Amino acid sequence: MTASSVYAICYMDGVMLACDSGAFQGGTSRYKGVNRLYRLNSRCVLAFSGDWADFQFIQNLVERRQIKLQHADPDLEMTPKMVQSYLCMFFYSRRSKLDPLWDTIVVAGR
């Protein structure tokens, strides 16, 4: 079990995210000063709580998806709704196979 904090506040012109800076790997605190915010593109930011290695896997997965979309149309960027839908489907698939990822993801953007 890992414990960390991610807060998101929605206001009139956008969203503000804040999170702690510790990273966990396998249930133990491994790294301090880690940035838990990840900017995917100009429209979408992800923040995570949980296992650091699992989030690195998720980052790689979402980046590959973004690159695949840009091959079809160079101006296309994943919106927060697209990222959330894709991650929900992926997390559900992993849980169904009894191989879950131990992260909670906050997706924000415009």
PDB file of N, CA and C in Angstrom:
ATOM      1  N   MET A   1       0.844  -1.180   0.000  1.00  0.00           N
ATOM      2  CA  MET A   1       0.000   0.000   0.000  1.00  0.00           C
ATOM      3  C   MET A   1       0.884   1.235   0.000  1.00  0.00           C
ATOM      4  N   THR A   2       0.586   2.170  -0.862  1.00  0.00           N
ATOM      5  CA  THR A   2       1.349   3.409  -0.928  1.00  0.00           C
ATOM      6  C   THR A   2       0.431   4.569  -0.584  1.00  0.00           C
ATOM      7  N   ALA A   3       1.004   5.595  -0.020  1.00  0.00           N
ATOM      8  CA  ALA A   3       0.227   6.771   0.343  1.00  0.00           C
ATOM      9  C   ALA A   3       0.885   8.003  -0.257  1.00  0.00           C
ATOM     10  N   SER A   4       0.113   8.780  -0.958  1.00  0.00           N
ATOM     11  CA  SER A   4       0.583  10.039  -1.511  1.00  0.00           C
ATOM     12  C   SER A   4      -0.627  10.925  -1.746  1.00  0.00           C
ATOM     13  N   SER A   5      -0.364  12.167  -2.072  1.00  0.00           N
ATOM     14  CA  SER A   5      -1.455  13.131  -2.199  1.00  0.00           C
ATOM     15  C   SER A   5      -1.434  13.800  -3.557  1.00  0.00           C
ATOM     16  N   VAL A   6      -2.585  13.864  -4.181  1.00  0.00           N
ATOM     17  CA  VAL A   6      -2.784  14.624  -5.406  1.00  0.00           C
ATOM     18  C   VAL A   6      -4.076  15.410  -5.229  1.00  0.00           C
ATOM     19  N   TYR A   7      -3.992  16.710  -5.421  1.00  0.00           N
ATOM     20  CA  TYR A   7      -5.166  17.575  -5.295  1.00  0.00           C
ATOM     21  C   TYR A   7      -5.394  18.291  -6.615  1.00  0.00           C
ATOM     22  N   ALA A   8      -6.651  18.430  -7.002  1.00  0.00           N
ATOM     23  CA  ALA A   8      -7.024  19.166  -8.201  1.00  0.00           C
ATOM     24  C   ALA A   8      -8.159  20.120  -7.849  1.00  0.00           C
ATOM     25  N   ILE A   9      -8.008  21.346  -8.285  1.00  0.00           N
ATOM     26  CA  ILE A   9      -9.035  22.360  -8.053  1.00  0.00           C
ATOM     27  C   ILE A   9      -9.417  22.950  -9.404  1.00  0.00           C
ATOM     28  N   CYS A  10     -10.695  22.915  -9.699  1.00  0.00           N
ATOM     29  CA  CYS A  10     -11.207  23.469 -10.942  1.00  0.00           C
ATOM     30  C   CYS A  10     -11.694  24.896 -10.669  1.00  0.00           C
ATOM     31  N   TYR A  11     -11.270  25.834 -11.494  1.00  0.00           N
ATOM     32  CA  TYR A  11     -11.733  27.209 -11.366  1.00  0.00           C
ATOM     33  C   TYR A  11     -12.161  27.700 -12.744  1.00  0.00           C
ATOM     34  N   MET A  12     -12.559  28.950 -12.841  1.00  0.00           N
ATOM     35  CA  MET A  12     -13.185  29.450 -14.051  1.00  0.00           C
ATOM     36  C   MET A  12     -12.314  29.299 -15.310  1.00  0.00           C
ATOM     37  N   ASP A  13     -11.026  29.569 -15.213  1.00  0.00           N
ATOM     38  CA  ASP A  13     -10.156  29.562 -16.384  1.00  0.00           C
ATOM     39  C   ASP A  13      -9.324  28.298 -16.535  1.00  0.00           C
ATOM     40  N   GLY A  14      -9.478  27.324 -15.661  1.00  0.00           N
ATOM     41  CA  GLY A  14      -8.668  26.114 -15.807  1.00  0.00           C
ATOM     42  C   GLY A  14      -8.707  25.219 -14.592  1.00  0.00           C
ATOM     43  N   VAL A  15      -7.633  24.472 -14.446  1.00  0.00           N
ATOM     44  CA  VAL A  15      -7.494  23.509 -13.365  1.00  0.00           C
ATOM     45  C   VAL A  15      -6.116  23.674 -12.745  1.00  0.00           C
ATOM     46  N   MET A  16      -6.051  23.590 -11.418  1.00  0.00           N
ATOM     47  CA  MET A  16      -4.775  23.650 -10.731  1.00  0.00           C
ATOM     48  C   MET A  16      -4.536  22.302 -10.055  1.00  0.00           C
ATOM     49  N   LEU A  17      -3.358  21.719 -10.287  1.00  0.00           N
ATOM     50  CA  LEU A  17      -2.985  20.448  -9.683  1.00  0.00           C
ATOM     51  C   LEU A  17      -1.843  20.660  -8.711  1.00  0.00           C
ATOM     52  N   ALA A  18      -1.878  19.935  -7.612  1.00  0.00           N
ATOM     53  CA  ALA A  18      -0.783  19.966  -6.636  1.00  0.00           C
ATOM     54  C   ALA A  18      -0.592  18.548  -6.115  1.00  0.00           C
ATOM     55  N   CYS A  19       0.653  18.157  -5.895  1.00  0.00           N
ATOM     56  CA  CYS A  19       0.921  16.821  -5.361  1.00  0.00           C
ATOM     57  C   CYS A  19       2.234  16.821  -4.586  1.00  0.00           C
ATOM     58  N   ASP A  20       2.391  15.789  -3.769  1.00  0.00           N
ATOM     59  CA  ASP A  20       3.626  15.668  -3.008  1.00  0.00           C
ATOM     60  C   ASP A  20       4.751  15.220  -3.939  1.00  0.00           C
ATOM     61  N   SER A  21       5.963  15.120  -3.406  1.00  0.00           N
ATOM     62  CA  SER A  21       7.110  14.840  -4.267  1.00  0.00           C
ATOM     63  C   SER A  21       7.839  13.548  -3.897  1.00  0.00           C
ATOM     64  N   GLY A  22       7.157  12.622  -3.244  1.00  0.00           N
ATOM     65  CA  GLY A  22       7.768  11.328  -2.938  1.00  0.00           C
ATOM     66  C   GLY A  22       7.335  10.295  -3.957  1.00  0.00           C
ATOM     67  N   ALA A  23       8.209   9.350  -4.258  1.00  0.00           N
ATOM     68  CA  ALA A  23       7.857   8.276  -5.184  1.00  0.00           C
ATOM     69  C   ALA A  23       8.007   6.942  -4.482  1.00  0.00           C
ATOM     70  N   PHE A  24       7.062   6.081  -4.735  1.00  0.00           N
ATOM     71  CA  PHE A  24       7.045   4.767  -4.107  1.00  0.00           C
ATOM     72  C   PHE A  24       7.306   3.707  -5.150  1.00  0.00           C
ATOM     73  N   GLN A  25       8.023   2.698  -4.739  1.00  0.00           N
ATOM     74  CA  GLN A  25       8.258   1.559  -5.614  1.00  0.00           C
ATOM     75  C   GLN A  25       8.115   0.306  -4.777  1.00  0.00           C
ATOM     76  N   GLY A  26       7.106  -0.475  -5.107  1.00  0.00           N
ATOM     77  CA  GLY A  26       6.871  -1.700  -4.355  1.00  0.00           C
ATOM     78  C   GLY A  26       6.439  -1.471  -2.924  1.00  0.00           C
ATOM     79  N   GLY A  27       5.781  -0.372  -2.646  1.00  0.00           N
ATOM     80  CA  GLY A  27       5.254  -0.126  -1.306  1.00  0.00           C
ATOM     81  C   GLY A  27       6.194   0.606  -0.369  1.00  0.00           C
ATOM     82  N   THR A  28       7.426   0.887  -0.796  1.00  0.00           N
ATOM     83  CA  THR A  28       8.349   1.627   0.062  1.00  0.00           C
ATOM     84  C   THR A  28       8.721   2.941  -0.603  1.00  0.00           C
ATOM     85  N   SER A  29       8.977   3.934   0.224  1.00  0.00           N
ATOM     86  CA  SER A  29       9.370   5.240  -0.299  1.00  0.00           C
ATOM     87  C   SER A  29      10.801   5.135  -0.827  1.00  0.00           C
ATOM     88  N   ARG A  30      10.981   5.345  -2.120  1.00  0.00           N
ATOM     89  CA  ARG A  30      12.297   5.191  -2.748  1.00  0.00           C
ATOM     90  C   ARG A  30      12.973   6.514  -3.056  1.00  0.00           C
ATOM     91  N   TYR A  31      12.229   7.446  -3.641  1.00  0.00           N
ATOM     92  CA  TYR A  31      12.835   8.675  -4.146  1.00  0.00           C
ATOM     93  C   TYR A  31      12.119   9.885  -3.578  1.00  0.00           C
ATOM     94  N   LYS A  32      12.884  10.922  -3.317  1.00  0.00           N
ATOM     95  CA  LYS A  32      12.314  12.190  -2.876  1.00  0.00           C
ATOM     96  C   LYS A  32      12.568  13.229  -3.964  1.00  0.00           C
ATOM     97  N   GLY A  33      11.709  14.200  -4.076  1.00  0.00           N
ATOM     98  CA  GLY A  33      11.869  15.248  -5.077  1.00  0.00           C
ATOM     99  C   GLY A  33      11.435  14.830  -6.469  1.00  0.00           C
ATOM    100  N   VAL A  34      10.543  13.855  -6.558  1.00  0.00           N
ATOM    101  CA  VAL A  34      10.048  13.388  -7.854  1.00  0.00           C
ATOM    102  C   VAL A  34       8.859  14.241  -8.276  1.00  0.00           C
ATOM    103  N   ASN A  35       8.823  14.620  -9.533  1.00  0.00           N
ATOM    104  CA  ASN A  35       7.696  15.378 -10.052  1.00  0.00           C
ATOM    105  C   ASN A  35       6.581  14.408 -10.417  1.00  0.00           C
ATOM    106  N   ARG A  36       5.475  14.463  -9.713  1.00  0.00           N
ATOM    107  CA  ARG A  36       4.345  13.563  -9.958  1.00  0.00           C
ATOM    108  C   ARG A  36       3.397  14.095 -11.014  1.00  0.00           C
ATOM    109  N   LEU A  37       3.716  15.244 -11.579  1.00  0.00           N
ATOM    110  CA  LEU A  37       2.908  15.806 -12.664  1.00  0.00           C
ATOM    111  C   LEU A  37       3.590  15.490 -13.992  1.00  0.00           C
ATOM    112  N   TYR A  38       2.799  15.124 -14.969  1.00  0.00           N
ATOM    113  CA  TYR A  38       3.338  14.798 -16.289  1.00  0.00           C
ATOM    114  C   TYR A  38       2.504  15.508 -17.343  1.00  0.00           C
ATOM    115  N   ARG A  39       3.146  16.356 -18.120  1.00  0.00           N
ATOM    116  CA  ARG A  39       2.452  17.080 -19.186  1.00  0.00           C
ATOM    117  C   ARG A  39       2.552  16.271 -20.475  1.00  0.00           C
ATOM    118  N   LEU A  40       1.430  15.762 -20.923  1.00  0.00           N
ATOM    119  CA  LEU A  40       1.400  14.946 -22.136  1.00  0.00           C
ATOM    120  C   LEU A  40       1.506  15.813 -23.384  1.00  0.00           C
ATOM    121  N   ASN A  41       0.744  16.880 -23.423  1.00  0.00           N
ATOM    122  CA  ASN A  41       0.761  17.815 -24.554  1.00  0.00           C
ATOM    123  C   ASN A  41       0.247  19.162 -24.058  1.00  0.00           C
ATOM    124  N   SER A  42      -0.046  20.059 -24.977  1.00  0.00           N
ATOM    125  CA  SER A  42      -0.494  21.395 -24.563  1.00  0.00           C
ATOM    126  C   SER A  42      -1.918  21.400 -24.010  1.00  0.00           C
ATOM    127  N   ARG A  43      -2.630  20.282 -24.123  1.00  0.00           N
ATOM    128  CA  ARG A  43      -4.015  20.224 -23.663  1.00  0.00           C
ATOM    129  C   ARG A  43      -4.235  19.344 -22.435  1.00  0.00           C
ATOM    130  N   CYS A  44      -3.271  18.520 -22.059  1.00  0.00           N
ATOM    131  CA  CYS A  44      -3.528  17.493 -21.056  1.00  0.00           C
ATOM    132  C   CYS A  44      -2.350  17.302 -20.094  1.00  0.00           C
ATOM    133  N   VAL A  45      -2.681  17.219 -18.806  1.00  0.00           N
ATOM    134  CA  VAL A  45      -1.700  16.958 -17.740  1.00  0.00           C
ATOM    135  C   VAL A  45      -2.197  15.776 -16.922  1.00  0.00           C
ATOM    136  N   LEU A  46      -1.261  14.910 -16.524  1.00  0.00           N
ATOM    137  CA  LEU A  46      -1.590  13.776 -15.669  1.00  0.00           C
ATOM    138  C   LEU A  46      -0.849  13.921 -14.353  1.00  0.00           C
ATOM    139  N   ALA A  47      -1.488  13.538 -13.276  1.00  0.00           N
ATOM    140  CA  ALA A  47      -0.854  13.462 -11.959  1.00  0.00           C
ATOM    141  C   ALA A  47      -1.155  12.077 -11.420  1.00  0.00           C
ATOM    142  N   PHE A  48      -0.218  11.538 -10.646  1.00  0.00           N
ATOM    143  CA  PHE A  48      -0.431  10.176 -10.181  1.00  0.00           C
ATOM    144  C   PHE A  48      -0.161  10.029  -8.702  1.00  0.00           C
ATOM    145  N   SER A  49      -0.763   9.012  -8.168  1.00  0.00           N
ATOM    146  CA  SER A  49      -0.559   8.603  -6.796  1.00  0.00           C
ATOM    147  C   SER A  49      -0.371   7.098  -6.828  1.00  0.00           C
ATOM    148  N   GLY A  50       0.687   6.614  -6.242  1.00  0.00           N
ATOM    149  CA  GLY A  50       0.905   5.174  -6.221  1.00  0.00           C
ATOM    150  C   GLY A  50       2.310   4.785  -6.636  1.00  0.00           C
ATOM    151  N   ASP A  51       2.422   3.637  -7.272  1.00  0.00           N
ATOM    152  CA  ASP A  51       3.708   3.046  -7.609  1.00  0.00           C
ATOM    153  C   ASP A  51       4.390   3.785  -8.757  1.00  0.00           C
ATOM    154  N   TRP A  52       5.654   4.149  -8.569  1.00  0.00           N
ATOM    155  CA  TRP A  52       6.425   4.926  -9.540  1.00  0.00           C
ATOM    156  C   TRP A  52       6.665   4.120 -10.820  1.00  0.00           C
ATOM    157  N   ALA A  53       7.024   2.860 -10.712  1.00  0.00           N
ATOM    158  CA  ALA A  53       7.299   2.034 -11.893  1.00  0.00           C
ATOM    159  C   ALA A  53       6.033   1.858 -12.735  1.00  0.00           C
ATOM    160  N   ASP A  54       4.894   1.683 -12.094  1.00  0.00           N
ATOM    161  CA  ASP A  54       3.636   1.570 -12.832  1.00  0.00           C
ATOM    162  C   ASP A  54       3.329   2.857 -13.580  1.00  0.00           C
ATOM    163  N   PHE A  55       3.612   4.002 -12.952  1.00  0.00           N
ATOM    164  CA  PHE A  55       3.340   5.264 -13.640  1.00  0.00           C
ATOM    165  C   PHE A  55       4.278   5.461 -14.818  1.00  0.00           C
ATOM    166  N   GLN A  56       5.530   5.032 -14.714  1.00  0.00           N
ATOM    167  CA  GLN A  56       6.441   5.120 -15.850  1.00  0.00           C
ATOM    168  C   GLN A  56       5.902   4.283 -17.013  1.00  0.00           C
ATOM    169  N   PHE A  57       5.327   3.137 -16.710  1.00  0.00           N
ATOM    170  CA  PHE A  57       4.707   2.302 -17.737  1.00  0.00           C
ATOM    171  C   PHE A  57       3.522   3.024 -18.370  1.00  0.00           C
ATOM    172  N   ILE A  58       2.699   3.675 -17.539  1.00  0.00           N
ATOM    173  CA  ILE A  58       1.540   4.413 -18.041  1.00  0.00           C
ATOM    174  C   ILE A  58       1.984   5.595 -18.906  1.00  0.00           C
ATOM    175  N   GLN A  59       3.037   6.301 -18.477  1.00  0.00           N
ATOM    176  CA  GLN A  59       3.572   7.406 -19.278  1.00  0.00           C
ATOM    177  C   GLN A  59       3.967   6.909 -20.664  1.00  0.00           C
ATOM    178  N   ASN A  60       4.704   5.824 -20.712  1.00  0.00           N
ATOM    179  CA  ASN A  60       5.144   5.260 -21.980  1.00  0.00           C
ATOM    180  C   ASN A  60       3.949   4.870 -22.840  1.00  0.00           C
ATOM    181  N   LEU A  61       2.947   4.263 -22.234  1.00  0.00           N
ATOM    182  CA  LEU A  61       1.750   3.829 -22.937  1.00  0.00           C
ATOM    183  C   LEU A  61       1.008   5.015 -23.556  1.00  0.00           C
ATOM    184  N   VAL A  62       0.825   6.077 -22.781  1.00  0.00           N
ATOM    185  CA  VAL A  62       0.089   7.254 -23.264  1.00  0.00           C
ATOM    186  C   VAL A  62       0.904   8.003 -24.318  1.00  0.00           C
ATOM    187  N   GLU A  63       2.218   8.078 -24.142  1.00  0.00           N
ATOM    188  CA  GLU A  63       3.064   8.731 -25.152  1.00  0.00           C
ATOM    189  C   GLU A  63       2.993   7.994 -26.486  1.00  0.00           C
ATOM    190  N   ARG A  64       3.044   6.657 -26.443  1.00  0.00           N
ATOM    191  CA  ARG A  64       2.944   5.885 -27.681  1.00  0.00           C
ATOM    192  C   ARG A  64       1.602   6.117 -28.357  1.00  0.00           C
ATOM    193  N   ARG A  65       0.532   6.209 -27.575  1.00  0.00           N
ATOM    194  CA  ARG A  65      -0.801   6.471 -28.123  1.00  0.00           C
ATOM    195  C   ARG A  65      -0.839   7.852 -28.778  1.00  0.00           C
ATOM    196  N   GLN A  66      -0.233   8.858 -28.130  1.00  0.00           N
ATOM    197  CA  GLN A  66      -0.187  10.217 -28.666  1.00  0.00           C
ATOM    198  C   GLN A  66       0.597  10.236 -29.988  1.00  0.00           C
ATOM    199  N   ILE A  67       1.724   9.549 -30.037  1.00  0.00           N
ATOM    200  CA  ILE A  67       2.530   9.500 -31.259  1.00  0.00           C
ATOM    201  C   ILE A  67       1.770   8.815 -32.379  1.00  0.00           C
ATOM    202  N   LYS A  68       1.053   7.740 -32.048  1.00  0.00           N
ATOM    203  CA  LYS A  68       0.272   7.019 -33.053  1.00  0.00           C
ATOM    204  C   LYS A  68      -0.813   7.923 -33.641  1.00  0.00           C
ATOM    205  N   LEU A  69      -1.456   8.737 -32.806  1.00  0.00           N
ATOM    206  CA  LEU A  69      -2.473   9.670 -33.299  1.00  0.00           C
ATOM    207  C   LEU A  69      -1.863  10.758 -34.175  1.00  0.00           C
ATOM    208  N   GLN A  70      -0.661  11.213 -33.814  1.00  0.00           N
ATOM    209  CA  GLN A  70      -0.016  12.280 -34.583  1.00  0.00           C
ATOM    210  C   GLN A  70       0.488  11.785 -35.933  1.00  0.00           C
ATOM    211  N   HIS A  71       0.711  10.490 -36.080  1.00  0.00           N
ATOM    212  CA  HIS A  71       1.072   9.966 -37.396  1.00  0.00           C
ATOM    213  C   HIS A  71      -0.101  10.096 -38.358  1.00  0.00           C
ATOM    214  N   ALA A  72      -1.310   9.933 -37.853  1.00  0.00           N
ATOM    215  CA  ALA A  72      -2.504  10.074 -38.691  1.00  0.00           C
ATOM    216  C   ALA A  72      -2.768  11.537 -39.028  1.00  0.00           C
ATOM    217  N   ASP A  73      -2.633  12.417 -38.033  1.00  0.00           N
ATOM    218  CA  ASP A  73      -2.855  13.852 -38.233  1.00  0.00           C
ATOM    219  C   ASP A  73      -1.898  14.610 -37.313  1.00  0.00           C
ATOM    220  N   PRO A  74      -0.905  15.301 -37.859  1.00  0.00           N
ATOM    221  CA  PRO A  74       0.117  15.967 -37.030  1.00  0.00           C
ATOM    222  C   PRO A  74      -0.433  17.012 -36.063  1.00  0.00           C
ATOM    223  N   ASP A  75      -1.611  17.569 -36.360  1.00  0.00           N
ATOM    224  CA  ASP A  75      -2.182  18.594 -35.481  1.00  0.00           C
ATOM    225  C   ASP A  75      -3.058  18.017 -34.381  1.00  0.00           C
ATOM    226  N   LEU A  76      -3.276  16.713 -34.378  1.00  0.00           N
ATOM    227  CA  LEU A  76      -4.165  16.087 -33.411  1.00  0.00           C
ATOM    228  C   LEU A  76      -3.445  15.832 -32.083  1.00  0.00           C
ATOM    229  N   GLU A  77      -4.057  16.272 -31.005  1.00  0.00           N
ATOM    230  CA  GLU A  77      -3.544  16.023 -29.655  1.00  0.00           C
ATOM    231  C   GLU A  77      -4.631  15.343 -28.841  1.00  0.00           C
ATOM    232  N   MET A  78      -4.216  14.467 -27.950  1.00  0.00           N
ATOM    233  CA  MET A  78      -5.185  13.789 -27.092  1.00  0.00           C
ATOM    234  C   MET A  78      -5.776  14.793 -26.101  1.00  0.00           C
ATOM    235  N   THR A  79      -7.087  14.799 -26.000  1.00  0.00           N
ATOM    236  CA  THR A  79      -7.759  15.638 -25.023  1.00  0.00           C
ATOM    237  C   THR A  79      -7.812  14.888 -23.694  1.00  0.00           C
ATOM    238  N   PRO A  80      -8.072  15.579 -22.598  1.00  0.00           N
ATOM    239  CA  PRO A  80      -8.203  14.885 -21.319  1.00  0.00           C
ATOM    240  C   PRO A  80      -9.280  13.803 -21.348  1.00  0.00           C
ATOM    241  N   LYS A  81     -10.368  14.042 -22.058  1.00  0.00           N
ATOM    242  CA  LYS A  81     -11.430  13.039 -22.154  1.00  0.00           C
ATOM    243  C   LYS A  81     -10.939  11.787 -22.879  1.00  0.00           C
ATOM    244  N   MET A  82     -10.142  11.963 -23.929  1.00  0.00           N
ATOM    245  CA  MET A  82      -9.583  10.826 -24.659  1.00  0.00           C
ATOM    246  C   MET A  82      -8.635  10.030 -23.776  1.00  0.00           C
ATOM    247  N   VAL A  83      -7.787  10.735 -23.037  1.00  0.00           N
ATOM    248  CA  VAL A  83      -6.825  10.062 -22.158  1.00  0.00           C
ATOM    249  C   VAL A  83      -7.562   9.308 -21.063  1.00  0.00           C
ATOM    250  N   GLN A  84      -8.565   9.935 -20.459  1.00  0.00           N
ATOM    251  CA  GLN A  84      -9.324   9.287 -19.389  1.00  0.00           C
ATOM    252  C   GLN A  84     -10.032   8.050 -19.904  1.00  0.00           C
ATOM    253  N   SER A  85     -10.648   8.122 -21.066  1.00  0.00           N
ATOM    254  CA  SER A  85     -11.337   6.964 -21.638  1.00  0.00           C
ATOM    255  C   SER A  85     -10.360   5.836 -21.941  1.00  0.00           C
ATOM    256  N   TYR A  86      -9.231   6.179 -22.516  1.00  0.00           N
ATOM    257  CA  TYR A  86      -8.216   5.179 -22.857  1.00  0.00           C
ATOM    258  C   TYR A  86      -7.677   4.506 -21.595  1.00  0.00           C
ATOM    259  N   LEU A  87      -7.374   5.303 -20.562  1.00  0.00           N
ATOM    260  CA  LEU A  87      -6.835   4.730 -19.324  1.00  0.00           C
ATOM    261  C   LEU A  87      -7.880   3.907 -18.575  1.00  0.00           C
ATOM    262  N   CYS A  88      -9.141   4.328 -18.590  1.00  0.00           N
ATOM    263  CA  CYS A  88     -10.201   3.524 -17.953  1.00  0.00           C
ATOM    264  C   CYS A  88     -10.283   2.155 -18.596  1.00  0.00           C
ATOM    265  N   MET A  89     -10.274   2.121 -19.918  1.00  0.00           N
ATOM    266  CA  MET A  89     -10.336   0.857 -20.637  1.00  0.00           C
ATOM    267  C   MET A  89      -9.100   0.001 -20.321  1.00  0.00           C
ATOM    268  N   PHE A  90      -7.938   0.626 -20.298  1.00  0.00           N
ATOM    269  CA  PHE A  90      -6.705  -0.110 -20.037  1.00  0.00           C
ATOM    270  C   PHE A  90      -6.661  -0.654 -18.603  1.00  0.00           C
ATOM    271  N   PHE A  91      -7.025   0.192 -17.623  1.00  0.00           N
ATOM    272  CA  PHE A  91      -7.023  -0.245 -16.223  1.00  0.00           C
ATOM    273  C   PHE A  91      -8.027  -1.387 -16.011  1.00  0.00           C
ATOM    274  N   TYR A  92      -9.200  -1.278 -16.648  1.00  0.00           N
ATOM    275  CA  TYR A  92     -10.210  -2.323 -16.514  1.00  0.00           C
ATOM    276  C   TYR A  92      -9.699  -3.643 -17.098  1.00  0.00           C
ATOM    277  N   SER A  93      -9.042  -3.565 -18.232  1.00  0.00           N
ATOM    278  CA  SER A  93      -8.488  -4.753 -18.869  1.00  0.00           C
ATOM    279  C   SER A  93      -7.448  -5.420 -17.973  1.00  0.00           C
ATOM    280  N   ARG A  94      -6.581  -4.611 -17.369  1.00  0.00           N
ATOM    281  CA  ARG A  94      -5.553  -5.178 -16.480  1.00  0.00           C
ATOM    282  C   ARG A  94      -6.168  -5.797 -15.236  1.00  0.00           C
ATOM    283  N   ARG A  95      -7.180  -5.124 -14.653  1.00  0.00           N
ATOM    284  CA  ARG A  95      -7.845  -5.690 -13.468  1.00  0.00           C
ATOM    285  C   ARG A  95      -8.548  -6.990 -13.800  1.00  0.00           C
ATOM    286  N   SER A  96      -9.158  -7.062 -14.975  1.00  0.00           N
ATOM    287  CA  SER A  96      -9.868  -8.274 -15.385  1.00  0.00           C
ATOM    288  C   SER A  96      -8.928  -9.465 -15.550  1.00  0.00           C
ATOM    289  N   LYS A  97      -7.684  -9.190 -15.891  1.00  0.00           N
ATOM    290  CA  LYS A  97      -6.682 -10.243 -16.048  1.00  0.00           C
ATOM    291  C   LYS A  97      -5.949 -10.534 -14.734  1.00  0.00           C
ATOM    292  N   LEU A  98      -6.423  -9.919 -13.636  1.00  0.00           N
ATOM    293  CA  LEU A  98      -5.813 -10.059 -12.306  1.00  0.00           C
ATOM    294  C   LEU A  98      -4.356  -9.620 -12.289  1.00  0.00           C
ATOM    295  N   ASP A  99      -4.046  -8.568 -13.067  1.00  0.00           N
ATOM    296  CA  ASP A  99      -2.718  -7.974 -13.108  1.00  0.00           C
ATOM    297  C   ASP A  99      -2.866  -6.448 -13.060  1.00  0.00           C
ATOM    298  N   PRO A 100      -3.398  -5.922 -11.940  1.00  0.00           N
ATOM    299  CA  PRO A 100      -3.716  -4.488 -11.895  1.00  0.00           C
ATOM    300  C   PRO A 100      -2.465  -3.614 -11.760  1.00  0.00           C
ATOM    301  N   LEU A 101      -2.640  -2.362 -12.148  1.00  0.00           N
ATOM    302  CA  LEU A 101      -1.625  -1.338 -11.896  1.00  0.00           C
ATOM    303  C   LEU A 101      -2.009  -0.651 -10.595  1.00  0.00           C
ATOM    304  N   TRP A 102      -1.027  -0.381  -9.759  1.00  0.00           N
ATOM    305  CA  TRP A 102      -1.289   0.151  -8.422  1.00  0.00           C
ATOM    306  C   TRP A 102      -1.139   1.666  -8.400  1.00  0.00           C
ATOM    307  N   ASP A 103      -1.865   2.332  -9.254  1.00  0.00           N
ATOM    308  CA  ASP A 103      -1.821   3.785  -9.337  1.00  0.00           C
ATOM    309  C   ASP A 103      -3.225   4.354  -9.406  1.00  0.00           C
ATOM    310  N   THR A 104      -3.330   5.601  -8.975  1.00  0.00           N
ATOM    311  CA  THR A 104      -4.526   6.389  -9.194  1.00  0.00           C
ATOM    312  C   THR A 104      -4.092   7.576 -10.033  1.00  0.00           C
ATOM    313  N   ILE A 105      -4.774   7.813 -11.124  1.00  0.00           N
ATOM    314  CA  ILE A 105      -4.379   8.853 -12.073  1.00  0.00           C
ATOM    315  C   ILE A 105      -5.417   9.964 -12.071  1.00  0.00           C
ATOM    316  N   VAL A 106      -4.945  11.206 -12.041  1.00  0.00           N
ATOM    317  CA  VAL A 106      -5.800  12.377 -12.206  1.00  0.00           C
ATOM    318  C   VAL A 106      -5.464  12.969 -13.570  1.00  0.00           C
ATOM    319  N   VAL A 107      -6.467  13.100 -14.428  1.00  0.00           N
ATOM    320  CA  VAL A 107      -6.290  13.654 -15.763  1.00  0.00           C
ATOM    321  C   VAL A 107      -6.970  15.018 -15.781  1.00  0.00           C
ATOM    322  N   ALA A 108      -6.244  16.036 -16.208  1.00  0.00           N
ATOM    323  CA  ALA A 108      -6.801  17.398 -16.227  1.00  0.00           C
ATOM    324  C   ALA A 108      -6.367  18.108 -17.504  1.00  0.00           C
ATOM    325  N   GLY A 109      -7.107  19.117 -17.854  1.00  0.00           N
ATOM    326  CA  GLY A 109      -6.753  19.917 -19.021  1.00  0.00           C
ATOM    327  C   GLY A 109      -7.967  20.594 -19.620  1.00  0.00           C
ATOM    328  N   ARG A 110      -7.793  21.005 -20.865  1.00  0.00           N
ATOM    329  CA  ARG A 110      -8.877  21.702 -21.562  1.00  0.00           C
ATOM    330  C   ARG A 110      -9.221  21.010 -22.846  1.00  0.00           C
TER     331      ARG A 110
END
